[in-house]
């Protein structure tokens, strides 16, 4: 009986079989520029020439190739990505953003426990490409904490994932709760136990009646730190050498992609966590 399912090939096997087409796309600056630019919106031939800084004579064969493999089409006096092309363009952009993110701050990524992130968020880590690193220095050992205060100042919503807690962080969050700002936190079991003791217990009791304040306890260790507001994201990790949270540097971003990534990460941990109780 005829089988309608191809024999299994792993990724390396696929590459070995189809490498000509794969290399043709990824070794061509012009093909990649066309795919990336159309991922940002439909374009006329004149606009594509401007993006690629080349002539019609040079660019048209590249366009014809992308039409032949059904990645782009011409309609209404402009070139568009097909559904297949949109998938490829999106993946190309993901790769570029991720590579740029890691190359921009190699020390940060190589010295921290990146594996702490759940697989879907590690896959989308390129969404943080438009970001910078805030570090403590001898001239300003409070720079990370000051950045935390700054991002809370104008926040209208605050979501936190925390593997540590200090009185200064707690006081800053409590002040926002008292001003009516919704605050939700996910903590690990170790921090939850600390919150049931002084000096944190009395602080928690101060705002326990506020319905816009919630704390959740994650069922596993947390090796990350996240604060995401409606305006800013702050993200940190544990160190590779001792798995202790590194309070000396955070990644900061105000980009919409990064904020969305942070909100998804918060929701992931919130959904698998239990409500915090004082008992």
C-alpha atoms as a PDB file:
ATOM      1  CA  UNK A   1       0.000   0.000   0.000  1.00  0.00           C
ATOM      2  CA  UNK A   2       1.290   3.467  -0.882  1.00  0.00           C
ATOM      3  CA  UNK A   3       2.451   5.550   2.046  1.00  0.00           C
ATOM      4  CA  UNK A   4       1.416   9.187   2.064  1.00  0.00           C
ATOM      5  CA  UNK A   5       3.988  10.074   4.737  1.00  0.00           C
ATOM      6  CA  UNK A   6       7.580  10.816   3.795  1.00  0.00           C
ATOM      7  CA  UNK A   7      10.360   8.945   5.503  1.00  0.00           C
ATOM      8  CA  UNK A   8      11.638  10.674   8.644  1.00  0.00           C
ATOM      9  CA  UNK A   9      14.560  13.077   8.293  1.00  0.00           C
ATOM     10  CA  UNK A  10      16.149  15.023  11.107  1.00  0.00           C
ATOM     11  CA  UNK A  11      17.091  18.669  10.640  1.00  0.00           C
ATOM     12  CA  UNK A  12      20.620  17.868   9.501  1.00  0.00           C
ATOM     13  CA  UNK A  13      19.228  15.380   7.004  1.00  0.00           C
ATOM     14  CA  UNK A  14      16.850  18.030   5.656  1.00  0.00           C
ATOM     15  CA  UNK A  15      19.718  20.481   5.305  1.00  0.00           C
ATOM     16  CA  UNK A  16      21.890  17.940   3.503  1.00  0.00           C
ATOM     17  CA  UNK A  17      19.052  17.208   1.078  1.00  0.00           C
ATOM     18  CA  UNK A  18      17.810  20.755   0.462  1.00  0.00           C
ATOM     19  CA  UNK A  19      20.952  22.781   1.148  1.00  0.00           C
ATOM     20  CA  UNK A  20      21.062  24.405  -2.286  1.00  0.00           C
ATOM     21  CA  UNK A  21      17.770  26.224  -1.748  1.00  0.00           C
ATOM     22  CA  UNK A  22      18.561  27.002   1.873  1.00  0.00           C
ATOM     23  CA  UNK A  23      21.983  28.417   1.069  1.00  0.00           C
ATOM     24  CA  UNK A  24      20.649  30.376  -1.890  1.00  0.00           C
ATOM     25  CA  UNK A  25      18.375  32.319   0.426  1.00  0.00           C
ATOM     26  CA  UNK A  26      20.705  32.774   3.384  1.00  0.00           C
ATOM     27  CA  UNK A  27      23.835  33.589   1.388  1.00  0.00           C
ATOM     28  CA  UNK A  28      22.138  36.373  -0.572  1.00  0.00           C
ATOM     29  CA  UNK A  29      22.053  39.836   0.975  1.00  0.00           C
ATOM     30  CA  UNK A  30      19.458  40.979  -1.560  1.00  0.00           C
ATOM     31  CA  UNK A  31      17.094  38.035  -1.006  1.00  0.00           C
ATOM     32  CA  UNK A  32      17.226  38.530   2.745  1.00  0.00           C
ATOM     33  CA  UNK A  33      16.713  42.279   2.453  1.00  0.00           C
ATOM     34  CA  UNK A  34      13.645  41.754   0.269  1.00  0.00           C
ATOM     35  CA  UNK A  35      12.163  39.205   2.671  1.00  0.00           C
ATOM     36  CA  UNK A  36      12.831  41.358   5.737  1.00  0.00           C
ATOM     37  CA  UNK A  37      11.533  44.561   4.144  1.00  0.00           C
ATOM     38  CA  UNK A  38       8.328  42.906   2.946  1.00  0.00           C
ATOM     39  CA  UNK A  39       7.874  41.542   6.453  1.00  0.00           C
ATOM     40  CA  UNK A  40       7.513  45.184   7.488  1.00  0.00           C
ATOM     41  CA  UNK A  41       4.922  45.906   4.797  1.00  0.00           C
ATOM     42  CA  UNK A  42       4.107  45.701   1.084  1.00  0.00           C
ATOM     43  CA  UNK A  43       6.457  47.570  -1.234  1.00  0.00           C
ATOM     44  CA  UNK A  44       6.672  48.724  -4.829  1.00  0.00           C
ATOM     45  CA  UNK A  45       9.662  47.916  -7.018  1.00  0.00           C
ATOM     46  CA  UNK A  46      10.952  51.450  -6.464  1.00  0.00           C
ATOM     47  CA  UNK A  47      10.732  51.005  -2.692  1.00  0.00           C
ATOM     48  CA  UNK A  48      12.523  47.654  -2.861  1.00  0.00           C
ATOM     49  CA  UNK A  49      15.292  49.265  -4.927  1.00  0.00           C
ATOM     50  CA  UNK A  50      15.632  51.903  -2.228  1.00  0.00           C
ATOM     51  CA  UNK A  51      15.788  49.326   0.565  1.00  0.00           C
ATOM     52  CA  UNK A  52      18.419  47.242  -1.220  1.00  0.00           C
ATOM     53  CA  UNK A  53      20.283  50.222  -2.690  1.00  0.00           C
ATOM     54  CA  UNK A  54      20.450  48.598  -6.122  1.00  0.00           C
ATOM     55  CA  UNK A  55      18.989  48.767  -9.633  1.00  0.00           C
ATOM     56  CA  UNK A  56      15.987  47.100 -11.225  1.00  0.00           C
ATOM     57  CA  UNK A  57      18.316  45.054 -13.413  1.00  0.00           C
ATOM     58  CA  UNK A  58      20.014  43.616 -10.339  1.00  0.00           C
ATOM     59  CA  UNK A  59      16.975  43.171  -8.126  1.00  0.00           C
ATOM     60  CA  UNK A  60      14.446  41.726 -10.605  1.00  0.00           C
ATOM     61  CA  UNK A  61      16.095  38.286 -10.868  1.00  0.00           C
ATOM     62  CA  UNK A  62      15.960  38.029  -7.069  1.00  0.00           C
ATOM     63  CA  UNK A  63      12.298  38.992  -7.091  1.00  0.00           C
ATOM     64  CA  UNK A  64      11.581  36.415  -9.797  1.00  0.00           C
ATOM     65  CA  UNK A  65      13.256  33.701  -7.722  1.00  0.00           C
ATOM     66  CA  UNK A  66      11.159  34.566  -4.650  1.00  0.00           C
ATOM     67  CA  UNK A  67       8.044  34.447  -6.818  1.00  0.00           C
ATOM     68  CA  UNK A  68       9.065  31.033  -8.165  1.00  0.00           C
ATOM     69  CA  UNK A  69       9.368  29.568  -4.676  1.00  0.00           C
ATOM     70  CA  UNK A  70       6.042  31.231  -3.738  1.00  0.00           C
ATOM     71  CA  UNK A  71       7.457  33.485  -1.013  1.00  0.00           C
ATOM     72  CA  UNK A  72       6.243  36.724  -2.606  1.00  0.00           C
ATOM     73  CA  UNK A  73       3.617  37.797  -5.134  1.00  0.00           C
ATOM     74  CA  UNK A  74       2.844  40.914  -7.134  1.00  0.00           C
ATOM     75  CA  UNK A  75      -0.596  42.437  -6.757  1.00  0.00           C
ATOM     76  CA  UNK A  76      -2.085  45.956  -6.819  1.00  0.00           C
ATOM     77  CA  UNK A  77       1.160  47.503  -8.050  1.00  0.00           C
ATOM     78  CA  UNK A  78       3.172  46.185  -5.081  1.00  0.00           C
ATOM     79  CA  UNK A  79       4.973  43.093  -3.849  1.00  0.00           C
ATOM     80  CA  UNK A  80       3.541  41.147  -0.925  1.00  0.00           C
ATOM     81  CA  UNK A  81       4.610  38.174   1.153  1.00  0.00           C
ATOM     82  CA  UNK A  82       2.606  35.018   0.615  1.00  0.00           C
ATOM     83  CA  UNK A  83       1.547  33.081   3.744  1.00  0.00           C
ATOM     84  CA  UNK A  84       4.603  30.851   3.249  1.00  0.00           C
ATOM     85  CA  UNK A  85       6.811  33.884   2.767  1.00  0.00           C
ATOM     86  CA  UNK A  86       5.418  35.511   5.883  1.00  0.00           C
ATOM     87  CA  UNK A  87       6.469  32.487   7.955  1.00  0.00           C
ATOM     88  CA  UNK A  88       9.979  32.509   6.484  1.00  0.00           C
ATOM     89  CA  UNK A  89      10.336  36.287   6.875  1.00  0.00           C
ATOM     90  CA  UNK A  90       9.228  36.101  10.496  1.00  0.00           C
ATOM     91  CA  UNK A  91      11.765  33.372  11.259  1.00  0.00           C
ATOM     92  CA  UNK A  92      14.545  35.298   9.532  1.00  0.00           C
ATOM     93  CA  UNK A  93      13.723  38.368  11.617  1.00  0.00           C
ATOM     94  CA  UNK A  94      13.642  36.270  14.796  1.00  0.00           C
ATOM     95  CA  UNK A  95      17.104  34.909  14.044  1.00  0.00           C
ATOM     96  CA  UNK A  96      18.524  38.355  13.300  1.00  0.00           C
ATOM     97  CA  UNK A  97      17.058  39.903  16.464  1.00  0.00           C
ATOM     98  CA  UNK A  98      18.283  37.017  18.630  1.00  0.00           C
ATOM     99  CA  UNK A  99      21.796  37.050  17.186  1.00  0.00           C
ATOM    100  CA  UNK A 100      21.927  40.836  17.634  1.00  0.00           C
ATOM    101  CA  UNK A 101      20.747  40.556  21.249  1.00  0.00           C
ATOM    102  CA  UNK A 102      23.438  38.016  22.156  1.00  0.00           C
ATOM    103  CA  UNK A 103      26.198  39.834  20.269  1.00  0.00           C
ATOM    104  CA  UNK A 104      25.312  43.195  21.819  1.00  0.00           C
ATOM    105  CA  UNK A 105      25.855  42.062  25.429  1.00  0.00           C
ATOM    106  CA  UNK A 106      27.811  38.763  25.297  1.00  0.00           C
ATOM    107  CA  UNK A 107      29.090  39.002  28.882  1.00  0.00           C
ATOM    108  CA  UNK A 108      25.585  39.288  30.322  1.00  0.00           C
ATOM    109  CA  UNK A 109      24.259  36.242  28.483  1.00  0.00           C
ATOM    110  CA  UNK A 110      27.329  34.025  28.919  1.00  0.00           C
ATOM    111  CA  UNK A 111      27.595  34.628  32.670  1.00  0.00           C
ATOM    112  CA  UNK A 112      23.947  33.998  33.547  1.00  0.00           C
ATOM    113  CA  UNK A 113      21.740  30.926  33.780  1.00  0.00           C
ATOM    114  CA  UNK A 114      19.733  31.407  30.615  1.00  0.00           C
ATOM    115  CA  UNK A 115      18.398  27.841  30.777  1.00  0.00           C
ATOM    116  CA  UNK A 116      16.150  29.010  33.619  1.00  0.00           C
ATOM    117  CA  UNK A 117      13.706  30.348  31.045  1.00  0.00           C
ATOM    118  CA  UNK A 118      10.923  28.019  29.890  1.00  0.00           C
ATOM    119  CA  UNK A 119      11.510  26.843  26.303  1.00  0.00           C
ATOM    120  CA  UNK A 120       8.859  29.050  24.588  1.00  0.00           C
ATOM    121  CA  UNK A 121      10.357  32.196  26.118  1.00  0.00           C
ATOM    122  CA  UNK A 122      13.905  31.164  25.361  1.00  0.00           C
ATOM    123  CA  UNK A 123      12.834  30.628  21.755  1.00  0.00           C
ATOM    124  CA  UNK A 124      11.388  34.165  21.640  1.00  0.00           C
ATOM    125  CA  UNK A 125      14.284  35.807  23.511  1.00  0.00           C
ATOM    126  CA  UNK A 126      14.993  37.913  20.413  1.00  0.00           C
ATOM    127  CA  UNK A 127      11.967  40.015  21.385  1.00  0.00           C
ATOM    128  CA  UNK A 128      14.320  41.692  23.881  1.00  0.00           C
ATOM    129  CA  UNK A 129      16.664  42.906  21.146  1.00  0.00           C
ATOM    130  CA  UNK A 130      15.824  46.585  21.708  1.00  0.00           C
ATOM    131  CA  UNK A 131      17.205  46.742  25.242  1.00  0.00           C
ATOM    132  CA  UNK A 132      20.165  47.859  27.324  1.00  0.00           C
ATOM    133  CA  UNK A 133      22.013  46.689  30.430  1.00  0.00           C
ATOM    134  CA  UNK A 134      22.036  48.606  33.715  1.00  0.00           C
ATOM    135  CA  UNK A 135      24.945  47.650  35.989  1.00  0.00           C
ATOM    136  CA  UNK A 136      26.239  48.684  39.373  1.00  0.00           C
ATOM    137  CA  UNK A 137      29.640  50.374  39.440  1.00  0.00           C
ATOM    138  CA  UNK A 138      31.961  51.618  42.167  1.00  0.00           C
ATOM    139  CA  UNK A 139      30.784  55.126  41.349  1.00  0.00           C
ATOM    140  CA  UNK A 140      27.118  54.154  41.690  1.00  0.00           C
ATOM    141  CA  UNK A 141      26.385  50.920  43.545  1.00  0.00           C
ATOM    142  CA  UNK A 142      22.662  51.747  43.611  1.00  0.00           C
ATOM    143  CA  UNK A 143      22.141  52.136  39.839  1.00  0.00           C
ATOM    144  CA  UNK A 144      20.003  48.982  39.472  1.00  0.00           C
ATOM    145  CA  UNK A 145      17.833  49.903  42.457  1.00  0.00           C
ATOM    146  CA  UNK A 146      17.468  53.474  41.205  1.00  0.00           C
ATOM    147  CA  UNK A 147      16.360  52.131  37.822  1.00  0.00           C
ATOM    148  CA  UNK A 148      13.728  50.022  39.636  1.00  0.00           C
ATOM    149  CA  UNK A 149      12.410  53.104  41.415  1.00  0.00           C
ATOM    150  CA  UNK A 150      12.337  55.078  38.174  1.00  0.00           C
ATOM    151  CA  UNK A 151      10.331  52.467  36.312  1.00  0.00           C
ATOM    152  CA  UNK A 152       7.770  52.280  39.120  1.00  0.00           C
ATOM    153  CA  UNK A 153       7.323  56.033  39.331  1.00  0.00           C
ATOM    154  CA  UNK A 154       4.948  56.397  36.378  1.00  0.00           C
ATOM    155  CA  UNK A 155       3.712  52.794  36.214  1.00  0.00           C
ATOM    156  CA  UNK A 156      -0.024  52.199  36.061  1.00  0.00           C
ATOM    157  CA  UNK A 157       0.334  48.404  36.331  1.00  0.00           C
ATOM    158  CA  UNK A 158       3.134  46.340  37.910  1.00  0.00           C
ATOM    159  CA  UNK A 159       3.864  42.637  37.479  1.00  0.00           C
ATOM    160  CA  UNK A 160       6.799  41.076  39.316  1.00  0.00           C
ATOM    161  CA  UNK A 161       8.531  37.690  39.358  1.00  0.00           C
ATOM    162  CA  UNK A 162      10.992  37.636  42.226  1.00  0.00           C
ATOM    163  CA  UNK A 163      13.558  35.183  43.577  1.00  0.00           C
ATOM    164  CA  UNK A 164      14.670  37.731  46.200  1.00  0.00           C
ATOM    165  CA  UNK A 165      13.104  40.458  48.315  1.00  0.00           C
ATOM    166  CA  UNK A 166      14.484  43.440  50.187  1.00  0.00           C
ATOM    167  CA  UNK A 167      12.809  46.009  52.404  1.00  0.00           C
ATOM    168  CA  UNK A 168      13.503  48.769  49.887  1.00  0.00           C
ATOM    169  CA  UNK A 169      11.839  46.802  47.073  1.00  0.00           C
ATOM    170  CA  UNK A 170       8.889  45.953  49.310  1.00  0.00           C
ATOM    171  CA  UNK A 171       8.436  49.569  50.426  1.00  0.00           C
ATOM    172  CA  UNK A 172       8.471  50.819  46.825  1.00  0.00           C
ATOM    173  CA  UNK A 173       5.803  48.316  45.788  1.00  0.00           C
ATOM    174  CA  UNK A 174       3.649  48.994  48.860  1.00  0.00           C
ATOM    175  CA  UNK A 175       3.721  52.718  48.114  1.00  0.00           C
ATOM    176  CA  UNK A 176       2.349  52.045  44.613  1.00  0.00           C
ATOM    177  CA  UNK A 177      -0.394  49.770  45.975  1.00  0.00           C
ATOM    178  CA  UNK A 178      -1.482  52.510  48.374  1.00  0.00           C
ATOM    179  CA  UNK A 179      -1.722  54.899  45.425  1.00  0.00           C
ATOM    180  CA  UNK A 180      -4.163  52.529  43.715  1.00  0.00           C
ATOM    181  CA  UNK A 181      -1.752  50.928  41.227  1.00  0.00           C
ATOM    182  CA  UNK A 182      -2.467  47.209  40.601  1.00  0.00           C
ATOM    183  CA  UNK A 183       0.493  45.091  41.726  1.00  0.00           C
ATOM    184  CA  UNK A 184       0.830  41.333  41.249  1.00  0.00           C
ATOM    185  CA  UNK A 185       3.829  39.246  42.282  1.00  0.00           C
ATOM    186  CA  UNK A 186       5.009  35.681  41.755  1.00  0.00           C
ATOM    187  CA  UNK A 187       7.551  34.490  44.321  1.00  0.00           C
ATOM    188  CA  UNK A 188       9.195  31.179  45.150  1.00  0.00           C
ATOM    189  CA  UNK A 189       8.436  29.206  48.332  1.00  0.00           C
ATOM    190  CA  UNK A 190      11.548  30.532  50.077  1.00  0.00           C
ATOM    191  CA  UNK A 191      10.482  34.150  49.584  1.00  0.00           C
ATOM    192  CA  UNK A 192       6.904  33.270  50.546  1.00  0.00           C
ATOM    193  CA  UNK A 193       8.206  32.026  53.907  1.00  0.00           C
ATOM    194  CA  UNK A 194      10.144  35.254  54.397  1.00  0.00           C
ATOM    195  CA  UNK A 195       7.011  37.300  53.654  1.00  0.00           C
ATOM    196  CA  UNK A 196       5.306  35.541  56.581  1.00  0.00           C
ATOM    197  CA  UNK A 197       7.973  36.881  58.938  1.00  0.00           C
ATOM    198  CA  UNK A 198       9.029  40.338  60.078  1.00  0.00           C
ATOM    199  CA  UNK A 199       9.891  42.834  58.750  1.00  0.00           C
ATOM    200  CA  UNK A 200       7.766  41.784  55.756  1.00  0.00           C
ATOM    201  CA  UNK A 201       4.731  40.417  57.629  1.00  0.00           C
ATOM    202  CA  UNK A 202       3.612  43.804  58.933  1.00  0.00           C
ATOM    203  CA  UNK A 203       4.132  45.306  55.479  1.00  0.00           C
ATOM    204  CA  UNK A 204       1.968  42.624  53.866  1.00  0.00           C
ATOM    205  CA  UNK A 205      -0.759  43.153  56.468  1.00  0.00           C
ATOM    206  CA  UNK A 206      -0.778  46.883  55.670  1.00  0.00           C
ATOM    207  CA  UNK A 207      -2.033  46.206  52.161  1.00  0.00           C
ATOM    208  CA  UNK A 208      -3.712  42.810  52.567  1.00  0.00           C
ATOM    209  CA  UNK A 209      -7.177  44.383  52.186  1.00  0.00           C
ATOM    210  CA  UNK A 210      -6.355  46.005  48.849  1.00  0.00           C
ATOM    211  CA  UNK A 211      -8.004  43.922  46.118  1.00  0.00           C
ATOM    212  CA  UNK A 212      -5.575  45.168  43.467  1.00  0.00           C
ATOM    213  CA  UNK A 213      -2.634  43.556  45.284  1.00  0.00           C
ATOM    214  CA  UNK A 214      -1.991  39.833  44.812  1.00  0.00           C
ATOM    215  CA  UNK A 215       0.889  37.482  45.562  1.00  0.00           C
ATOM    216  CA  UNK A 216       1.302  34.013  44.032  1.00  0.00           C
ATOM    217  CA  UNK A 217       3.696  31.224  45.006  1.00  0.00           C
ATOM    218  CA  UNK A 218       5.397  29.275  42.220  1.00  0.00           C
ATOM    219  CA  UNK A 219       5.686  25.484  42.585  1.00  0.00           C
ATOM    220  CA  UNK A 220       9.343  25.478  41.538  1.00  0.00           C
ATOM    221  CA  UNK A 221      12.547  27.444  42.160  1.00  0.00           C
ATOM    222  CA  UNK A 222      12.772  30.749  40.338  1.00  0.00           C
ATOM    223  CA  UNK A 223      16.103  31.626  38.777  1.00  0.00           C
ATOM    224  CA  UNK A 224      14.890  34.845  37.171  1.00  0.00           C
ATOM    225  CA  UNK A 225      13.769  38.306  38.171  1.00  0.00           C
ATOM    226  CA  UNK A 226      11.191  40.293  36.216  1.00  0.00           C
ATOM    227  CA  UNK A 227       9.412  43.576  36.667  1.00  0.00           C
ATOM    228  CA  UNK A 228       7.158  44.603  33.809  1.00  0.00           C
ATOM    229  CA  UNK A 229       4.920  47.641  33.843  1.00  0.00           C
ATOM    230  CA  UNK A 230       2.822  49.272  31.158  1.00  0.00           C
ATOM    231  CA  UNK A 231       5.947  51.270  30.209  1.00  0.00           C
ATOM    232  CA  UNK A 232       9.125  49.358  31.074  1.00  0.00           C
ATOM    233  CA  UNK A 233      10.604  45.884  31.455  1.00  0.00           C
ATOM    234  CA  UNK A 234      13.426  44.928  33.805  1.00  0.00           C
ATOM    235  CA  UNK A 235      14.786  41.384  33.512  1.00  0.00           C
ATOM    236  CA  UNK A 236      17.540  39.596  35.416  1.00  0.00           C
ATOM    237  CA  UNK A 237      18.948  36.116  35.892  1.00  0.00           C
ATOM    238  CA  UNK A 238      20.931  33.997  38.309  1.00  0.00           C
ATOM    239  CA  UNK A 239      24.660  33.636  37.807  1.00  0.00           C
ATOM    240  CA  UNK A 240      26.039  30.513  36.170  1.00  0.00           C
ATOM    241  CA  UNK A 241      28.656  29.866  38.819  1.00  0.00           C
ATOM    242  CA  UNK A 242      26.523  29.772  41.981  1.00  0.00           C
ATOM    243  CA  UNK A 243      22.884  30.040  40.787  1.00  0.00           C
ATOM    244  CA  UNK A 244      22.372  33.066  43.022  1.00  0.00           C
ATOM    245  CA  UNK A 245      20.301  35.926  41.658  1.00  0.00           C
ATOM    246  CA  UNK A 246      22.566  38.639  40.266  1.00  0.00           C
ATOM    247  CA  UNK A 247      21.350  41.949  41.681  1.00  0.00           C
ATOM    248  CA  UNK A 248      24.221  43.863  40.072  1.00  0.00           C
ATOM    249  CA  UNK A 249      22.809  44.033  36.527  1.00  0.00           C
ATOM    250  CA  UNK A 250      19.445  44.020  34.774  1.00  0.00           C
ATOM    251  CA  UNK A 251      18.316  44.163  31.184  1.00  0.00           C
ATOM    252  CA  UNK A 252      15.998  47.143  30.607  1.00  0.00           C
ATOM    253  CA  UNK A 253      13.639  47.843  27.706  1.00  0.00           C
ATOM    254  CA  UNK A 254      10.691  50.072  26.841  1.00  0.00           C
ATOM    255  CA  UNK A 255      10.039  48.380  23.483  1.00  0.00           C
ATOM    256  CA  UNK A 256       6.552  46.982  22.870  1.00  0.00           C
ATOM    257  CA  UNK A 257       7.911  43.562  21.827  1.00  0.00           C
ATOM    258  CA  UNK A 258       9.871  43.282  25.064  1.00  0.00           C
ATOM    259  CA  UNK A 259       6.894  44.379  27.178  1.00  0.00           C
ATOM    260  CA  UNK A 260       4.676  41.779  25.509  1.00  0.00           C
ATOM    261  CA  UNK A 261       7.346  39.107  26.098  1.00  0.00           C
ATOM    262  CA  UNK A 262       7.527  40.070  29.760  1.00  0.00           C
ATOM    263  CA  UNK A 263       3.751  39.972  30.186  1.00  0.00           C
ATOM    264  CA  UNK A 264       3.612  36.496  28.627  1.00  0.00           C
ATOM    265  CA  UNK A 265       6.360  35.301  30.958  1.00  0.00           C
ATOM    266  CA  UNK A 266       4.570  36.710  33.999  1.00  0.00           C
ATOM    267  CA  UNK A 267       1.282  35.099  32.943  1.00  0.00           C
ATOM    268  CA  UNK A 268       3.048  31.752  32.457  1.00  0.00           C
ATOM    269  CA  UNK A 269       4.269  31.697  36.052  1.00  0.00           C
ATOM    270  CA  UNK A 270       1.094  33.191  37.490  1.00  0.00           C
ATOM    271  CA  UNK A 271      -1.042  30.506  35.833  1.00  0.00           C
ATOM    272  CA  UNK A 272       0.941  27.657  37.423  1.00  0.00           C
ATOM    273  CA  UNK A 273       1.204  29.286  40.855  1.00  0.00           C
ATOM    274  CA  UNK A 274      -1.009  29.237  43.935  1.00  0.00           C
ATOM    275  CA  UNK A 275      -2.393  32.161  45.897  1.00  0.00           C
ATOM    276  CA  UNK A 276      -0.172  33.302  48.749  1.00  0.00           C
ATOM    277  CA  UNK A 277      -1.574  32.978  52.278  1.00  0.00           C
ATOM    278  CA  UNK A 278      -0.220  34.338  55.553  1.00  0.00           C
ATOM    279  CA  UNK A 279      -0.659  30.962  57.248  1.00  0.00           C
END
